[in-house]
């Protein structure tokens, strides 16, 4: 699935605003122009992985949260990924995955 840079930009903007940081302040920390940062936030410029990680470190948010919209701190972290994975598995495979997850989580019925 191709990356939607508009959504990534929106998430970056939201994270920046949550840190009460202006575009000018973030652009200065990144050593880029405000115009470039604005294009990233609007989804008009693609951000490479190195730059994304740099932005995320400054904004104190995980790259995963920016890319998929779910925080690893969220209770729903990976829910959709597990649902998608299980959807394509046979019932036997689902049972095996469940049994393995129980062992990892150390929970019993």
PDB file of N, CA and C in Angstrom:
ATOM      1  N   UNK A   1       0.847  -1.170   0.000  1.00  0.00           N
ATOM      2  CA  UNK A   1       0.000   0.000   0.000  1.00  0.00           C
ATOM      3  C   UNK A   1       0.896   1.238   0.000  1.00  0.00           C
ATOM      4  N   UNK A   2       0.685   2.162  -0.951  1.00  0.00           N
ATOM      5  CA  UNK A   2       1.533   3.344  -1.026  1.00  0.00           C
ATOM      6  C   UNK A   2       1.265   4.285   0.145  1.00  0.00           C
ATOM      7  N   UNK A   3       2.276   5.028   0.507  1.00  0.00           N
ATOM      8  CA  UNK A   3       2.135   5.980   1.601  1.00  0.00           C
ATOM      9  C   UNK A   3       1.287   7.159   1.164  1.00  0.00           C
ATOM     10  N   UNK A   4       0.415   7.605   2.033  1.00  0.00           N
ATOM     11  CA  UNK A   4      -0.398   8.796   1.782  1.00  0.00           C
ATOM     12  C   UNK A   4       0.291   9.956   2.493  1.00  0.00           C
ATOM     13  N   UNK A   5       1.034  10.740   1.719  1.00  0.00           N
ATOM     14  CA  UNK A   5       1.816  11.824   2.305  1.00  0.00           C
ATOM     15  C   UNK A   5       0.949  12.943   2.858  1.00  0.00           C
ATOM     16  N   UNK A   6      -0.299  13.057   2.387  1.00  0.00           N
ATOM     17  CA  UNK A   6      -1.208  14.066   2.939  1.00  0.00           C
ATOM     18  C   UNK A   6      -1.552  13.711   4.378  1.00  0.00           C
ATOM     19  N   UNK A   7      -1.868  12.444   4.614  1.00  0.00           N
ATOM     20  CA  UNK A   7      -2.199  12.003   5.975  1.00  0.00           C
ATOM     21  C   UNK A   7      -0.966  12.085   6.872  1.00  0.00           C
ATOM     22  N   UNK A   8       0.180  11.679   6.358  1.00  0.00           N
ATOM     23  CA  UNK A   8       1.425  11.775   7.145  1.00  0.00           C
ATOM     24  C   UNK A   8       1.671  13.232   7.525  1.00  0.00           C
ATOM     25  N   UNK A   9       1.497  14.132   6.579  1.00  0.00           N
ATOM     26  CA  UNK A   9       1.678  15.556   6.847  1.00  0.00           C
ATOM     27  C   UNK A   9       0.717  16.067   7.905  1.00  0.00           C
ATOM     28  N   UNK A  10      -0.533  15.621   7.828  1.00  0.00           N
ATOM     29  CA  UNK A  10      -1.527  16.035   8.825  1.00  0.00           C
ATOM     30  C   UNK A  10      -1.146  15.545  10.215  1.00  0.00           C
ATOM     31  N   UNK A  11      -0.647  14.313  10.282  1.00  0.00           N
ATOM     32  CA  UNK A  11      -0.241  13.765  11.583  1.00  0.00           C
ATOM     33  C   UNK A  11       0.971  14.498  12.136  1.00  0.00           C
ATOM     34  N   UNK A  12       1.899  14.861  11.257  1.00  0.00           N
ATOM     35  CA  UNK A  12       3.070  15.622  11.696  1.00  0.00           C
ATOM     36  C   UNK A  12       2.648  16.994  12.213  1.00  0.00           C
ATOM     37  N   UNK A  13       1.749  17.627  11.500  1.00  0.00           N
ATOM     38  CA  UNK A  13       1.258  18.950  11.917  1.00  0.00           C
ATOM     39  C   UNK A  13       0.568  18.853  13.275  1.00  0.00           C
ATOM     40  N   UNK A  14      -0.266  17.832  13.446  1.00  0.00           N
ATOM     41  CA  UNK A  14      -0.967  17.629  14.721  1.00  0.00           C
ATOM     42  C   UNK A  14       0.033  17.418  15.858  1.00  0.00           C
ATOM     43  N   UNK A  15       1.070  16.614  15.602  1.00  0.00           N
ATOM     44  CA  UNK A  15       2.097  16.356  16.624  1.00  0.00           C
ATOM     45  C   UNK A  15       2.866  17.635  16.942  1.00  0.00           C
ATOM     46  N   UNK A  16       3.148  18.426  15.909  1.00  0.00           N
ATOM     47  CA  UNK A  16       3.868  19.696  16.127  1.00  0.00           C
ATOM     48  C   UNK A  16       3.029  20.624  16.987  1.00  0.00           C
ATOM     49  N   UNK A  17       1.750  20.731  16.666  1.00  0.00           N
ATOM     50  CA  UNK A  17       0.868  21.615  17.429  1.00  0.00           C
ATOM     51  C   UNK A  17       0.692  21.118  18.866  1.00  0.00           C
ATOM     52  N   UNK A  18       0.675  19.800  19.042  1.00  0.00           N
ATOM     53  CA  UNK A  18       0.562  19.230  20.392  1.00  0.00           C
ATOM     54  C   UNK A  18       1.770  19.614  21.246  1.00  0.00           C
ATOM     55  N   UNK A  19       2.913  19.797  20.586  1.00  0.00           N
ATOM     56  CA  UNK A  19       4.131  20.240  21.300  1.00  0.00           C
ATOM     57  C   UNK A  19       4.195  21.768  21.417  1.00  0.00           C
ATOM     58  N   UNK A  20       3.121  22.437  20.921  1.00  0.00           N
ATOM     59  CA  UNK A  20       3.047  23.902  20.946  1.00  0.00           C
ATOM     60  C   UNK A  20       4.256  24.529  20.253  1.00  0.00           C
ATOM     61  N   UNK A  21       4.588  23.952  19.104  1.00  0.00           N
ATOM     62  CA  UNK A  21       5.739  24.398  18.332  1.00  0.00           C
ATOM     63  C   UNK A  21       5.255  24.999  17.019  1.00  0.00           C
ATOM     64  N   UNK A  22       5.844  26.107  16.627  1.00  0.00           N
ATOM     65  CA  UNK A  22       5.501  26.719  15.344  1.00  0.00           C
ATOM     66  C   UNK A  22       6.275  26.031  14.225  1.00  0.00           C
ATOM     67  N   UNK A  23       5.817  26.246  13.006  1.00  0.00           N
ATOM     68  CA  UNK A  23       6.556  25.726  11.855  1.00  0.00           C
ATOM     69  C   UNK A  23       7.958  26.322  11.844  1.00  0.00           C
ATOM     70  N   UNK A  24       8.055  27.589  12.176  1.00  0.00           N
ATOM     71  CA  UNK A  24       9.361  28.258  12.184  1.00  0.00           C
ATOM     72  C   UNK A  24      10.313  27.589  13.173  1.00  0.00           C
ATOM     73  N   UNK A  25       9.826  27.282  14.368  1.00  0.00           N
ATOM     74  CA  UNK A  25      10.665  26.643  15.387  1.00  0.00           C
ATOM     75  C   UNK A  25      11.121  25.259  14.941  1.00  0.00           C
ATOM     76  N   UNK A  26      10.184  24.476  14.395  1.00  0.00           N
ATOM     77  CA  UNK A  26      10.537  23.127  13.953  1.00  0.00           C
ATOM     78  C   UNK A  26      11.487  23.190  12.764  1.00  0.00           C
ATOM     79  N   UNK A  27      11.215  24.078  11.826  1.00  0.00           N
ATOM     80  CA  UNK A  27      12.086  24.221  10.653  1.00  0.00           C
ATOM     81  C   UNK A  27      13.507  24.590  11.075  1.00  0.00           C
ATOM     82  N   UNK A  28      13.622  25.440  12.072  1.00  0.00           N
ATOM     83  CA  UNK A  28      14.947  25.838  12.564  1.00  0.00           C
ATOM     84  C   UNK A  28      15.684  24.648  13.170  1.00  0.00           C
ATOM     85  N   UNK A  29      14.978  23.853  13.962  1.00  0.00           N
ATOM     86  CA  UNK A  29      15.605  22.672  14.577  1.00  0.00           C
ATOM     87  C   UNK A  29      16.031  21.653  13.519  1.00  0.00           C
ATOM     88  N   UNK A  30      15.264  21.587  12.418  1.00  0.00           N
ATOM     89  CA  UNK A  30      15.568  20.644  11.343  1.00  0.00           C
ATOM     90  C   UNK A  30      16.575  21.199  10.345  1.00  0.00           C
ATOM     91  N   UNK A  31      16.830  22.501  10.437  1.00  0.00           N
ATOM     92  CA  UNK A  31      17.699  23.202   9.486  1.00  0.00           C
ATOM     93  C   UNK A  31      17.142  23.092   8.062  1.00  0.00           C
ATOM     94  N   UNK A  32      15.829  23.352   7.947  1.00  0.00           N
ATOM     95  CA  UNK A  32      15.152  23.390   6.649  1.00  0.00           C
ATOM     96  C   UNK A  32      14.342  24.678   6.585  1.00  0.00           C
ATOM     97  N   UNK A  33      13.863  25.005   5.409  1.00  0.00           N
ATOM     98  CA  UNK A  33      13.040  26.208   5.265  1.00  0.00           C
ATOM     99  C   UNK A  33      11.626  25.955   5.778  1.00  0.00           C
ATOM    100  N   UNK A  34      10.976  27.026   6.184  1.00  0.00           N
ATOM    101  CA  UNK A  34       9.581  26.930   6.611  1.00  0.00           C
ATOM    102  C   UNK A  34       8.725  26.451   5.440  1.00  0.00           C
ATOM    103  N   UNK A  35       9.051  26.911   4.239  1.00  0.00           N
ATOM    104  CA  UNK A  35       8.293  26.515   3.049  1.00  0.00           C
ATOM    105  C   UNK A  35       8.371  25.000   2.835  1.00  0.00           C
ATOM    106  N   UNK A  36       9.554  24.415   3.025  1.00  0.00           N
ATOM    107  CA  UNK A  36       9.721  22.966   2.869  1.00  0.00           C
ATOM    108  C   UNK A  36       8.892  22.224   3.908  1.00  0.00           C
ATOM    109  N   UNK A  37       8.963  22.672   5.158  1.00  0.00           N
ATOM    110  CA  UNK A  37       8.193  22.034   6.221  1.00  0.00           C
ATOM    111  C   UNK A  37       6.696  22.159   5.940  1.00  0.00           C
ATOM    112  N   UNK A  38       6.281  23.300   5.456  1.00  0.00           N
ATOM    113  CA  UNK A  38       4.880  23.511   5.115  1.00  0.00           C
ATOM    114  C   UNK A  38       4.434  22.546   4.019  1.00  0.00           C
ATOM    115  N   UNK A  39       5.278  22.331   3.018  1.00  0.00           N
ATOM    116  CA  UNK A  39       4.946  21.387   1.943  1.00  0.00           C
ATOM    117  C   UNK A  39       4.820  19.968   2.484  1.00  0.00           C
ATOM    118  N   UNK A  40       5.677  19.602   3.436  1.00  0.00           N
ATOM    119  CA  UNK A  40       5.588  18.274   4.061  1.00  0.00           C
ATOM    120  C   UNK A  40       4.250  18.145   4.791  1.00  0.00           C
ATOM    121  N   UNK A  41       3.897  19.151   5.574  1.00  0.00           N
ATOM    122  CA  UNK A  41       2.667  19.098   6.353  1.00  0.00           C
ATOM    123  C   UNK A  41       1.424  19.091   5.462  1.00  0.00           C
ATOM    124  N   UNK A  42       1.497  19.683   4.292  1.00  0.00           N
ATOM    125  CA  UNK A  42       0.371  19.675   3.354  1.00  0.00           C
ATOM    126  C   UNK A  42       0.362  18.420   2.487  1.00  0.00           C
ATOM    127  N   UNK A  43       1.432  17.628   2.542  1.00  0.00           N
ATOM    128  CA  UNK A  43       1.525  16.419   1.731  1.00  0.00           C
ATOM    129  C   UNK A  43       2.004  16.686   0.324  1.00  0.00           C
ATOM    130  N   UNK A  44       2.534  17.875   0.082  1.00  0.00           N
ATOM    131  CA  UNK A  44       3.019  18.236  -1.247  1.00  0.00           C
ATOM    132  C   UNK A  44       4.473  17.841  -1.470  1.00  0.00           C
ATOM    133  N   UNK A  45       5.166  17.469  -0.404  1.00  0.00           N
ATOM    134  CA  UNK A  45       6.540  16.979  -0.508  1.00  0.00           C
ATOM    135  C   UNK A  45       6.640  15.666   0.239  1.00  0.00           C
ATOM    136  N   UNK A  46       7.334  14.724  -0.356  1.00  0.00           N
ATOM    137  CA  UNK A  46       7.554  13.450   0.312  1.00  0.00           C
ATOM    138  C   UNK A  46       8.682  13.619   1.323  1.00  0.00           C
ATOM    139  N   UNK A  47       8.515  13.000   2.453  1.00  0.00           N
ATOM    140  CA  UNK A  47       9.538  13.061   3.499  1.00  0.00           C
ATOM    141  C   UNK A  47      10.243  11.707   3.522  1.00  0.00           C
ATOM    142  N   UNK A  48      11.578  11.737   3.481  1.00  0.00           N
ATOM    143  CA  UNK A  48      12.309  10.469   3.515  1.00  0.00           C
ATOM    144  C   UNK A  48      12.373   9.955   4.948  1.00  0.00           C
ATOM    145  N   UNK A  49      12.741   8.701   5.080  1.00  0.00           N
ATOM    146  CA  UNK A  49      12.736   8.053   6.388  1.00  0.00           C
ATOM    147  C   UNK A  49      13.671   8.738   7.380  1.00  0.00           C
ATOM    148  N   UNK A  50      14.847   9.122   6.914  1.00  0.00           N
ATOM    149  CA  UNK A  50      15.808   9.790   7.806  1.00  0.00           C
ATOM    150  C   UNK A  50      15.223  11.084   8.353  1.00  0.00           C
ATOM    151  N   UNK A  51      14.603  11.868   7.483  1.00  0.00           N
ATOM    152  CA  UNK A  51      14.010  13.142   7.911  1.00  0.00           C
ATOM    153  C   UNK A  51      12.802  12.885   8.808  1.00  0.00           C
ATOM    154  N   UNK A  52      11.996  11.871   8.489  1.00  0.00           N
ATOM    155  CA  UNK A  52      10.842  11.544   9.315  1.00  0.00           C
ATOM    156  C   UNK A  52      11.268  11.188  10.738  1.00  0.00           C
ATOM    157  N   UNK A  53      12.298  10.372  10.854  1.00  0.00           N
ATOM    158  CA  UNK A  53      12.796   9.987  12.178  1.00  0.00           C
ATOM    159  C   UNK A  53      13.295  11.218  12.927  1.00  0.00           C
ATOM    160  N   UNK A  54      13.982  12.097  12.232  1.00  0.00           N
ATOM    161  CA  UNK A  54      14.489  13.324  12.843  1.00  0.00           C
ATOM    162  C   UNK A  54      13.325  14.184  13.372  1.00  0.00           C
ATOM    163  N   UNK A  55      12.285  14.342  12.562  1.00  0.00           N
ATOM    164  CA  UNK A  55      11.119  15.126  12.974  1.00  0.00           C
ATOM    165  C   UNK A  55      10.455  14.465  14.183  1.00  0.00           C
ATOM    166  N   UNK A  56      10.297  13.151  14.120  1.00  0.00           N
ATOM    167  CA  UNK A  56       9.648  12.422  15.210  1.00  0.00           C
ATOM    168  C   UNK A  56      10.422  12.544  16.517  1.00  0.00           C
ATOM    169  N   UNK A  57      11.736  12.523  16.447  1.00  0.00           N
ATOM    170  CA  UNK A  57      12.550  12.684  17.660  1.00  0.00           C
ATOM    171  C   UNK A  57      12.316  14.051  18.282  1.00  0.00           C
ATOM    172  N   UNK A  58      12.274  15.073  17.456  1.00  0.00           N
ATOM    173  CA  UNK A  58      12.044  16.429  17.959  1.00  0.00           C
ATOM    174  C   UNK A  58      10.646  16.550  18.563  1.00  0.00           C
ATOM    175  N   UNK A  59       9.658  15.955  17.909  1.00  0.00           N
ATOM    176  CA  UNK A  59       8.272  16.052  18.370  1.00  0.00           C
ATOM    177  C   UNK A  59       7.919  15.010  19.429  1.00  0.00           C
ATOM    178  N   UNK A  60       8.869  14.115  19.725  1.00  0.00           N
ATOM    179  CA  UNK A  60       8.702  13.070  20.736  1.00  0.00           C
ATOM    180  C   UNK A  60       7.476  12.193  20.432  1.00  0.00           C
ATOM    181  N   UNK A  61       7.426  11.708  19.180  1.00  0.00           N
ATOM    182  CA  UNK A  61       6.369  10.803  18.740  1.00  0.00           C
ATOM    183  C   UNK A  61       7.046   9.714  17.915  1.00  0.00           C
ATOM    184  N   UNK A  62       6.462   8.534  17.885  1.00  0.00           N
ATOM    185  CA  UNK A  62       7.090   7.439  17.153  1.00  0.00           C
ATOM    186  C   UNK A  62       6.802   7.550  15.654  1.00  0.00           C
ATOM    187  N   UNK A  63       7.759   7.147  14.823  1.00  0.00           N
ATOM    188  CA  UNK A  63       7.498   7.119  13.383  1.00  0.00           C
ATOM    189  C   UNK A  63       6.296   6.239  13.041  1.00  0.00           C
ATOM    190  N   UNK A  64       6.115   5.152  13.781  1.00  0.00           N
ATOM    191  CA  UNK A  64       4.972   4.280  13.550  1.00  0.00           C
ATOM    192  C   UNK A  64       3.652   5.007  13.753  1.00  0.00           C
ATOM    193  N   UNK A  65       3.612   5.846  14.754  1.00  0.00           N
ATOM    194  CA  UNK A  65       2.399   6.617  15.019  1.00  0.00           C
ATOM    195  C   UNK A  65       2.097   7.569  13.857  1.00  0.00           C
ATOM    196  N   UNK A  66       3.136   8.164  13.297  1.00  0.00           N
ATOM    197  CA  UNK A  66       2.955   9.081  12.166  1.00  0.00           C
ATOM    198  C   UNK A  66       2.568   8.302  10.914  1.00  0.00           C
ATOM    199  N   UNK A  67       3.183   7.149  10.693  1.00  0.00           N
ATOM    200  CA  UNK A  67       2.922   6.384   9.478  1.00  0.00           C
ATOM    201  C   UNK A  67       1.572   5.666   9.497  1.00  0.00           C
ATOM    202  N   UNK A  68       1.199   5.096  10.656  1.00  0.00           N
ATOM    203  CA  UNK A  68      -0.052   4.330  10.660  1.00  0.00           C
ATOM    204  C   UNK A  68      -1.127   4.904  11.556  1.00  0.00           C
ATOM    205  N   UNK A  69      -0.821   5.977  12.265  1.00  0.00           N
ATOM    206  CA  UNK A  69      -1.834   6.664  13.050  1.00  0.00           C
ATOM    207  C   UNK A  69      -2.169   6.045  14.385  1.00  0.00           C
ATOM    208  N   UNK A  70      -1.418   5.035  14.788  1.00  0.00           N
ATOM    209  CA  UNK A  70      -1.696   4.378  16.065  1.00  0.00           C
ATOM    210  C   UNK A  70      -0.455   4.434  16.941  1.00  0.00           C
ATOM    211  N   UNK A  71      -0.643   4.919  18.121  1.00  0.00           N
ATOM    212  CA  UNK A  71       0.453   4.984  19.075  1.00  0.00           C
ATOM    213  C   UNK A  71       0.694   3.617  19.688  1.00  0.00           C
ATOM    214  N   UNK A  72       1.959   3.271  19.871  1.00  0.00           N
ATOM    215  CA  UNK A  72       2.276   1.997  20.528  1.00  0.00           C
ATOM    216  C   UNK A  72       1.827   2.021  21.984  1.00  0.00           C
ATOM    217  N   UNK A  73       1.475   3.200  22.496  1.00  0.00           N
ATOM    218  CA  UNK A  73       0.973   3.327  23.864  1.00  0.00           C
ATOM    219  C   UNK A  73      -0.535   3.117  23.919  1.00  0.00           C
ATOM    220  N   UNK A  74      -1.180   3.087  22.763  1.00  0.00           N
ATOM    221  CA  UNK A  74      -2.629   2.938  22.673  1.00  0.00           C
ATOM    222  C   UNK A  74      -3.046   1.501  22.973  1.00  0.00           C
ATOM    223  N   UNK A  75      -4.233   1.354  23.540  1.00  0.00           N
ATOM    224  CA  UNK A  75      -4.735   0.008  23.810  1.00  0.00           C
ATOM    225  C   UNK A  75      -5.126  -0.712  22.525  1.00  0.00           C
ATOM    226  N   UNK A  76      -5.308   0.046  21.424  1.00  0.00           N
ATOM    227  CA  UNK A  76      -5.671  -0.571  20.155  1.00  0.00           C
ATOM    228  C   UNK A  76      -4.460  -0.782  19.247  1.00  0.00           C
ATOM    229  N   UNK A  77      -3.271  -0.622  19.793  1.00  0.00           N
ATOM    230  CA  UNK A  77      -2.059  -0.800  19.009  1.00  0.00           C
ATOM    231  C   UNK A  77      -2.060  -2.176  18.346  1.00  0.00           C
ATOM    232  N   UNK A  78      -1.911  -2.216  17.067  1.00  0.00           N
ATOM    233  CA  UNK A  78      -1.848  -3.412  16.227  1.00  0.00           C
ATOM    234  C   UNK A  78      -3.165  -4.169  16.077  1.00  0.00           C
ATOM    235  N   UNK A  79      -4.268  -3.653  16.597  1.00  0.00           N
ATOM    236  CA  UNK A  79      -5.547  -4.353  16.452  1.00  0.00           C
ATOM    237  C   UNK A  79      -5.882  -4.613  14.989  1.00  0.00           C
ATOM    238  N   UNK A  80      -5.799  -3.572  14.167  1.00  0.00           N
ATOM    239  CA  UNK A  80      -6.171  -3.754  12.758  1.00  0.00           C
ATOM    240  C   UNK A  80      -5.180  -4.661  12.042  1.00  0.00           C
ATOM    241  N   UNK A  81      -3.897  -4.609  12.430  1.00  0.00           N
ATOM    242  CA  UNK A  81      -2.903  -5.473  11.810  1.00  0.00           C
ATOM    243  C   UNK A  81      -3.178  -6.937  12.142  1.00  0.00           C
ATOM    244  N   UNK A  82      -3.524  -7.215  13.418  1.00  0.00           N
ATOM    245  CA  UNK A  82      -3.851  -8.587  13.802  1.00  0.00           C
ATOM    246  C   UNK A  82      -5.121  -9.055  13.104  1.00  0.00           C
ATOM    247  N   UNK A  83      -6.121  -8.195  13.032  1.00  0.00           N
ATOM    248  CA  UNK A  83      -7.376  -8.567  12.369  1.00  0.00           C
ATOM    249  C   UNK A  83      -7.124  -8.903  10.906  1.00  0.00           C
ATOM    250  N   UNK A  84      -6.297  -8.103  10.252  1.00  0.00           N
ATOM    251  CA  UNK A  84      -5.975  -8.348   8.850  1.00  0.00           C
ATOM    252  C   UNK A  84      -5.210  -9.656   8.682  1.00  0.00           C
ATOM    253  N   UNK A  85      -4.261  -9.901   9.563  1.00  0.00           N
ATOM    254  CA  UNK A  85      -3.474 -11.126   9.510  1.00  0.00           C
ATOM    255  C   UNK A  85      -4.365 -12.355   9.720  1.00  0.00           C
ATOM    256  N   UNK A  86      -5.207 -12.300  10.727  1.00  0.00           N
ATOM    257  CA  UNK A  86      -6.060 -13.442  11.051  1.00  0.00           C
ATOM    258  C   UNK A  86      -7.101 -13.713   9.971  1.00  0.00           C
ATOM    259  N   UNK A  87      -7.553 -12.669   9.313  1.00  0.00           N
ATOM    260  CA  UNK A  87      -8.571 -12.802   8.264  1.00  0.00           C
ATOM    261  C   UNK A  87      -8.102 -13.739   7.160  1.00  0.00           C
ATOM    262  N   UNK A  88      -6.817 -13.736   6.888  1.00  0.00           N
ATOM    263  CA  UNK A  88      -6.267 -14.542   5.803  1.00  0.00           C
ATOM    264  C   UNK A  88      -5.796 -15.923   6.253  1.00  0.00           C
ATOM    265  N   UNK A  89      -6.003 -16.251   7.519  1.00  0.00           N
ATOM    266  CA  UNK A  89      -5.539 -17.539   8.052  1.00  0.00           C
ATOM    267  C   UNK A  89      -6.695 -18.542   8.140  1.00  0.00           C
ATOM    268  N   UNK A  90      -6.331 -19.803   8.038  1.00  0.00           N
ATOM    269  CA  UNK A  90      -7.322 -20.865   8.254  1.00  0.00           C
ATOM    270  C   UNK A  90      -7.655 -20.908   9.742  1.00  0.00           C
ATOM    271  N   UNK A  91      -8.725 -21.614  10.096  1.00  0.00           N
ATOM    272  CA  UNK A  91      -9.093 -21.715  11.507  1.00  0.00           C
ATOM    273  C   UNK A  91      -7.998 -22.415  12.315  1.00  0.00           C
ATOM    274  N   UNK A  92      -7.314 -23.386  11.683  1.00  0.00           N
ATOM    275  CA  UNK A  92      -6.212 -24.065  12.370  1.00  0.00           C
ATOM    276  C   UNK A  92      -5.056 -23.092  12.645  1.00  0.00           C
ATOM    277  N   UNK A  93      -4.747 -22.264  11.650  1.00  0.00           N
ATOM    278  CA  UNK A  93      -3.686 -21.276  11.825  1.00  0.00           C
ATOM    279  C   UNK A  93      -4.071 -20.251  12.897  1.00  0.00           C
ATOM    280  N   UNK A  94      -5.331 -19.837  12.904  1.00  0.00           N
ATOM    281  CA  UNK A  94      -5.791 -18.879  13.913  1.00  0.00           C
ATOM    282  C   UNK A  94      -5.651 -19.463  15.318  1.00  0.00           C
ATOM    283  N   UNK A  95      -5.997 -20.732  15.453  1.00  0.00           N
ATOM    284  CA  UNK A  95      -5.880 -21.401  16.761  1.00  0.00           C
ATOM    285  C   UNK A  95      -4.418 -21.456  17.193  1.00  0.00           C
ATOM    286  N   UNK A  96      -3.512 -21.771  16.258  1.00  0.00           N
ATOM    287  CA  UNK A  96      -2.090 -21.822  16.571  1.00  0.00           C
ATOM    288  C   UNK A  96      -1.581 -20.438  17.009  1.00  0.00           C
ATOM    289  N   UNK A  97      -1.980 -19.416  16.287  1.00  0.00           N
ATOM    290  CA  UNK A  97      -1.567 -18.054  16.643  1.00  0.00           C
ATOM    291  C   UNK A  97      -2.092 -17.699  18.032  1.00  0.00           C
ATOM    292  N   UNK A  98      -3.341 -18.069  18.305  1.00  0.00           N
ATOM    293  CA  UNK A  98      -3.925 -17.811  19.615  1.00  0.00           C
ATOM    294  C   UNK A  98      -3.152 -18.537  20.716  1.00  0.00           C
ATOM    295  N   UNK A  99      -2.832 -19.803  20.478  1.00  0.00           N
ATOM    296  CA  UNK A  99      -2.085 -20.579  21.473  1.00  0.00           C
ATOM    297  C   UNK A  99      -0.704 -19.979  21.732  1.00  0.00           C
ATOM    298  N   UNK A 100      -0.055 -19.539  20.676  1.00  0.00           N
ATOM    299  CA  UNK A 100       1.263 -18.905  20.831  1.00  0.00           C
ATOM    300  C   UNK A 100       1.133 -17.601  21.609  1.00  0.00           C
ATOM    301  N   UNK A 101       0.111 -16.809  21.271  1.00  0.00           N
ATOM    302  CA  UNK A 101      -0.101 -15.533  21.960  1.00  0.00           C
ATOM    303  C   UNK A 101      -0.362 -15.757  23.447  1.00  0.00           C
ATOM    304  N   UNK A 102      -1.117 -16.812  23.772  1.00  0.00           N
ATOM    305  CA  UNK A 102      -1.374 -17.120  25.182  1.00  0.00           C
ATOM    306  C   UNK A 102      -0.075 -17.411  25.921  1.00  0.00           C
ATOM    307  N   UNK A 103       0.814 -18.172  25.290  1.00  0.00           N
ATOM    308  CA  UNK A 103       2.086 -18.495  25.921  1.00  0.00           C
ATOM    309  C   UNK A 103       2.909 -17.224  26.130  1.00  0.00           C
ATOM    310  N   UNK A 104       2.951 -16.379  25.101  1.00  0.00           N
ATOM    311  CA  UNK A 104       3.713 -15.138  25.213  1.00  0.00           C
ATOM    312  C   UNK A 104       3.120 -14.231  26.281  1.00  0.00           C
ATOM    313  N   UNK A 105       1.795 -14.138  26.333  1.00  0.00           N
ATOM    314  CA  UNK A 105       1.138 -13.283  27.309  1.00  0.00           C
ATOM    315  C   UNK A 105       1.016 -13.934  28.677  1.00  0.00           C
ATOM    316  N   UNK A 106       1.339 -15.233  28.733  1.00  0.00           N
ATOM    317  CA  UNK A 106       1.269 -16.013  29.981  1.00  0.00           C
ATOM    318  C   UNK A 106      -0.111 -15.965  30.621  1.00  0.00           C
ATOM    319  N   UNK A 107      -1.120 -16.139  29.768  1.00  0.00           N
ATOM    320  CA  UNK A 107      -2.496 -16.153  30.266  1.00  0.00           C
ATOM    321  C   UNK A 107      -3.084 -17.529  30.009  1.00  0.00           C
ATOM    322  N   UNK A 108      -3.975 -17.933  30.875  1.00  0.00           N
ATOM    323  CA  UNK A 108      -4.647 -19.217  30.719  1.00  0.00           C
ATOM    324  C   UNK A 108      -6.141 -18.993  30.648  1.00  0.00           C
ATOM    325  N   UNK A 109      -6.832 -19.977  30.034  1.00  0.00           N
ATOM    326  CA  UNK A 109      -8.303 -19.894  29.950  1.00  0.00           C
ATOM    327  C   UNK A 109      -8.925 -19.958  31.317  1.00  0.00           C
TER     328      UNK A 109
END
